[in-house]
Amino acid sequence: MSLYEKLPSDFLIQFYYEVKKMISKGLVSKNMYYELGLIIAAASKRGILLDKPKDFEQHIVHELLMELSN
């Protein structure tokens, strides 16, 4: 269980948008895509659908893609 699964939904969604904004501005490394994937996976388990950036799959590991597809 990731830390993100323990966060309240409203905080999780807010954090998702902040990370996505920082990535788009180049303020954080591309490794933050992994964190974004963990956030999306945690939200998905709650029935919350969050968009993936267009180049998302290029930046995350295969295992995370498999977790997101479940």
N, C-alpha and C. Protein backbone atom coordinates (compact mmCIF):
# COMPACT_ATOMS: atom_id res chain seq x y z
N MET A 1 0.85 -1.17 0.00
CA MET A 1 0.00 0.00 0.00
C MET A 1 0.90 1.24 0.00
N SER A 2 0.63 2.14 -0.93
CA SER A 2 1.42 3.37 -1.00
C SER A 2 0.86 4.42 -0.05
N LEU A 3 1.67 5.38 0.24
CA LEU A 3 1.25 6.50 1.08
C LEU A 3 0.02 7.19 0.48
N TYR A 4 -0.03 7.24 -0.83
CA TYR A 4 -1.14 7.93 -1.51
C TYR A 4 -2.48 7.26 -1.24
N GLU A 5 -2.48 5.97 -1.00
CA GLU A 5 -3.73 5.27 -0.72
C GLU A 5 -4.28 5.64 0.65
N LYS A 6 -3.45 6.20 1.50
CA LYS A 6 -3.88 6.59 2.83
C LYS A 6 -4.38 8.04 2.90
N LEU A 7 -4.15 8.81 1.85
CA LEU A 7 -4.54 10.21 1.85
C LEU A 7 -6.04 10.37 1.59
N PRO A 8 -6.65 11.42 2.15
CA PRO A 8 -8.05 11.71 1.81
C PRO A 8 -8.16 12.03 0.31
N SER A 9 -9.28 11.70 -0.29
CA SER A 9 -9.47 11.87 -1.74
C SER A 9 -9.23 13.30 -2.20
N ASP A 10 -9.75 14.28 -1.47
CA ASP A 10 -9.58 15.67 -1.91
C ASP A 10 -8.11 16.08 -1.91
N PHE A 11 -7.35 15.62 -0.93
CA PHE A 11 -5.93 15.93 -0.87
C PHE A 11 -5.19 15.21 -1.99
N LEU A 12 -5.56 13.97 -2.24
CA LEU A 12 -4.94 13.19 -3.31
C LEU A 12 -5.12 13.87 -4.66
N ILE A 13 -6.32 14.33 -4.95
CA ILE A 13 -6.61 15.00 -6.22
C ILE A 13 -5.84 16.32 -6.32
N GLN A 14 -5.81 17.08 -5.25
CA GLN A 14 -5.08 18.35 -5.24
C GLN A 14 -3.58 18.11 -5.47
N PHE A 15 -3.04 17.09 -4.82
CA PHE A 15 -1.64 16.77 -4.98
C PHE A 15 -1.34 16.34 -6.41
N TYR A 16 -2.24 15.57 -7.00
CA TYR A 16 -2.10 15.15 -8.40
C TYR A 16 -1.95 16.37 -9.32
N TYR A 17 -2.83 17.35 -9.16
CA TYR A 17 -2.77 18.54 -10.03
C TYR A 17 -1.50 19.34 -9.79
N GLU A 18 -1.04 19.41 -8.56
CA GLU A 18 0.21 20.13 -8.27
C GLU A 18 1.41 19.43 -8.90
N VAL A 19 1.50 18.12 -8.79
CA VAL A 19 2.61 17.38 -9.39
C VAL A 19 2.57 17.53 -10.90
N LYS A 20 1.38 17.40 -11.48
CA LYS A 20 1.23 17.52 -12.93
C LYS A 20 1.66 18.91 -13.41
N LYS A 21 1.30 19.94 -12.64
CA LYS A 21 1.67 21.31 -12.99
C LYS A 21 3.19 21.50 -12.89
N MET A 22 3.81 20.95 -11.86
CA MET A 22 5.26 21.07 -11.70
C MET A 22 6.00 20.36 -12.82
N ILE A 23 5.51 19.20 -13.23
CA ILE A 23 6.14 18.48 -14.34
C ILE A 23 6.04 19.30 -15.62
N SER A 24 4.87 19.85 -15.90
CA SER A 24 4.69 20.61 -17.14
C SER A 24 5.55 21.87 -17.19
N LYS A 25 5.84 22.43 -16.04
CA LYS A 25 6.69 23.63 -15.97
C LYS A 25 8.17 23.28 -15.90
N GLY A 26 8.48 21.99 -15.81
CA GLY A 26 9.87 21.58 -15.72
C GLY A 26 10.51 21.84 -14.37
N LEU A 27 9.68 21.99 -13.34
CA LEU A 27 10.19 22.30 -12.01
C LEU A 27 10.69 21.08 -11.25
N VAL A 28 10.30 19.91 -11.70
CA VAL A 28 10.74 18.68 -11.06
C VAL A 28 11.23 17.72 -12.14
N SER A 29 11.93 16.70 -11.72
CA SER A 29 12.47 15.75 -12.68
C SER A 29 11.37 14.89 -13.29
N LYS A 30 11.71 14.27 -14.37
CA LYS A 30 10.77 13.37 -15.03
C LYS A 30 10.47 12.15 -14.18
N ASN A 31 11.28 11.90 -13.15
CA ASN A 31 11.01 10.79 -12.24
C ASN A 31 9.71 11.00 -11.48
N MET A 32 9.22 12.21 -11.46
CA MET A 32 7.95 12.49 -10.79
C MET A 32 6.79 11.81 -11.51
N TYR A 33 7.01 11.37 -12.74
CA TYR A 33 5.96 10.61 -13.43
C TYR A 33 5.63 9.34 -12.66
N TYR A 34 6.63 8.75 -12.03
CA TYR A 34 6.39 7.55 -11.22
C TYR A 34 5.45 7.88 -10.06
N GLU A 35 5.73 9.00 -9.38
CA GLU A 35 4.87 9.43 -8.28
C GLU A 35 3.46 9.72 -8.80
N LEU A 36 3.39 10.36 -9.95
CA LEU A 36 2.09 10.66 -10.55
C LEU A 36 1.34 9.36 -10.84
N GLY A 37 2.05 8.35 -11.29
CA GLY A 37 1.43 7.04 -11.53
C GLY A 37 0.89 6.42 -10.26
N LEU A 38 1.62 6.55 -9.16
CA LEU A 38 1.13 6.03 -7.88
C LEU A 38 -0.13 6.76 -7.43
N ILE A 39 -0.17 8.06 -7.67
CA ILE A 39 -1.35 8.85 -7.33
C ILE A 39 -2.54 8.40 -8.17
N ILE A 40 -2.32 8.24 -9.47
CA ILE A 40 -3.39 7.81 -10.37
C ILE A 40 -3.90 6.43 -9.98
N ALA A 41 -2.98 5.52 -9.60
CA ALA A 41 -3.38 4.17 -9.20
C ALA A 41 -4.22 4.21 -7.92
N ALA A 42 -3.81 5.02 -6.95
CA ALA A 42 -4.56 5.13 -5.69
C ALA A 42 -5.94 5.71 -5.94
N ALA A 43 -6.02 6.72 -6.79
CA ALA A 43 -7.31 7.33 -7.11
C ALA A 43 -8.20 6.34 -7.85
N SER A 44 -7.62 5.59 -8.76
CA SER A 44 -8.38 4.61 -9.54
C SER A 44 -9.03 3.57 -8.65
N LYS A 45 -8.33 3.14 -7.61
CA LYS A 45 -8.89 2.16 -6.68
C LYS A 45 -10.11 2.71 -5.94
N ARG A 46 -10.22 4.04 -5.88
CA ARG A 46 -11.38 4.69 -5.24
C ARG A 46 -12.45 5.05 -6.25
N GLY A 47 -12.22 4.73 -7.52
CA GLY A 47 -13.20 5.06 -8.55
C GLY A 47 -13.04 6.47 -9.08
N ILE A 48 -11.91 7.11 -8.78
CA ILE A 48 -11.63 8.47 -9.25
C ILE A 48 -10.74 8.35 -10.48
N LEU A 49 -11.20 8.87 -11.60
CA LEU A 49 -10.42 8.79 -12.84
C LEU A 49 -9.65 10.08 -13.04
N LEU A 50 -8.33 9.97 -13.12
CA LEU A 50 -7.46 11.11 -13.36
C LEU A 50 -6.75 10.90 -14.69
N ASP A 51 -6.63 11.95 -15.46
CA ASP A 51 -5.97 11.86 -16.77
C ASP A 51 -4.47 11.64 -16.61
N LYS A 52 -3.94 10.88 -17.54
CA LYS A 52 -2.49 10.69 -17.61
C LYS A 52 -1.94 11.70 -18.62
N PRO A 53 -0.77 12.28 -18.35
CA PRO A 53 -0.15 13.15 -19.36
C PRO A 53 0.09 12.37 -20.64
N LYS A 54 0.14 13.07 -21.76
CA LYS A 54 0.26 12.40 -23.05
C LYS A 54 1.52 11.56 -23.19
N ASP A 55 2.61 11.94 -22.52
CA ASP A 55 3.85 11.18 -22.61
C ASP A 55 4.10 10.33 -21.37
N PHE A 56 3.05 10.04 -20.65
CA PHE A 56 3.13 9.32 -19.37
C PHE A 56 3.82 7.96 -19.51
N GLU A 57 3.40 7.16 -20.47
CA GLU A 57 3.93 5.81 -20.62
C GLU A 57 5.42 5.79 -20.94
N GLN A 58 5.93 6.87 -21.49
CA GLN A 58 7.36 6.93 -21.81
C GLN A 58 8.22 7.09 -20.57
N HIS A 59 7.61 7.47 -19.46
CA HIS A 59 8.39 7.83 -18.28
C HIS A 59 8.19 6.94 -17.07
N ILE A 60 7.34 5.95 -17.16
CA ILE A 60 7.13 5.09 -16.00
C ILE A 60 7.49 3.65 -16.32
N VAL A 61 7.68 2.86 -15.30
CA VAL A 61 8.10 1.47 -15.48
C VAL A 61 6.91 0.58 -15.82
N HIS A 62 7.20 -0.53 -16.43
CA HIS A 62 6.18 -1.46 -16.88
C HIS A 62 5.30 -1.96 -15.73
N GLU A 63 5.89 -2.22 -14.57
CA GLU A 63 5.13 -2.72 -13.44
C GLU A 63 4.02 -1.76 -13.03
N LEU A 64 4.31 -0.48 -13.06
CA LEU A 64 3.30 0.50 -12.70
C LEU A 64 2.18 0.53 -13.72
N LEU A 65 2.51 0.38 -15.00
CA LEU A 65 1.47 0.30 -16.02
C LEU A 65 0.54 -0.89 -15.76
N MET A 66 1.11 -1.99 -15.33
CA MET A 66 0.29 -3.16 -15.05
C MET A 66 -0.62 -2.89 -13.85
N GLU A 67 -0.13 -2.20 -12.83
CA GLU A 67 -0.95 -1.89 -11.67
C GLU A 67 -2.09 -0.95 -12.06
N LEU A 68 -1.82 0.01 -12.95
CA LEU A 68 -2.85 0.94 -13.37
C LEU A 68 -3.94 0.27 -14.18
N SER A 69 -3.60 -0.79 -14.88
CA SER A 69 -4.58 -1.46 -15.73
C SER A 69 -5.50 -2.38 -14.93
N ASN A 70 -5.18 -2.64 -13.68
CA ASN A 70 -6.03 -3.52 -12.83
C ASN A 70 -7.20 -2.77 -12.27
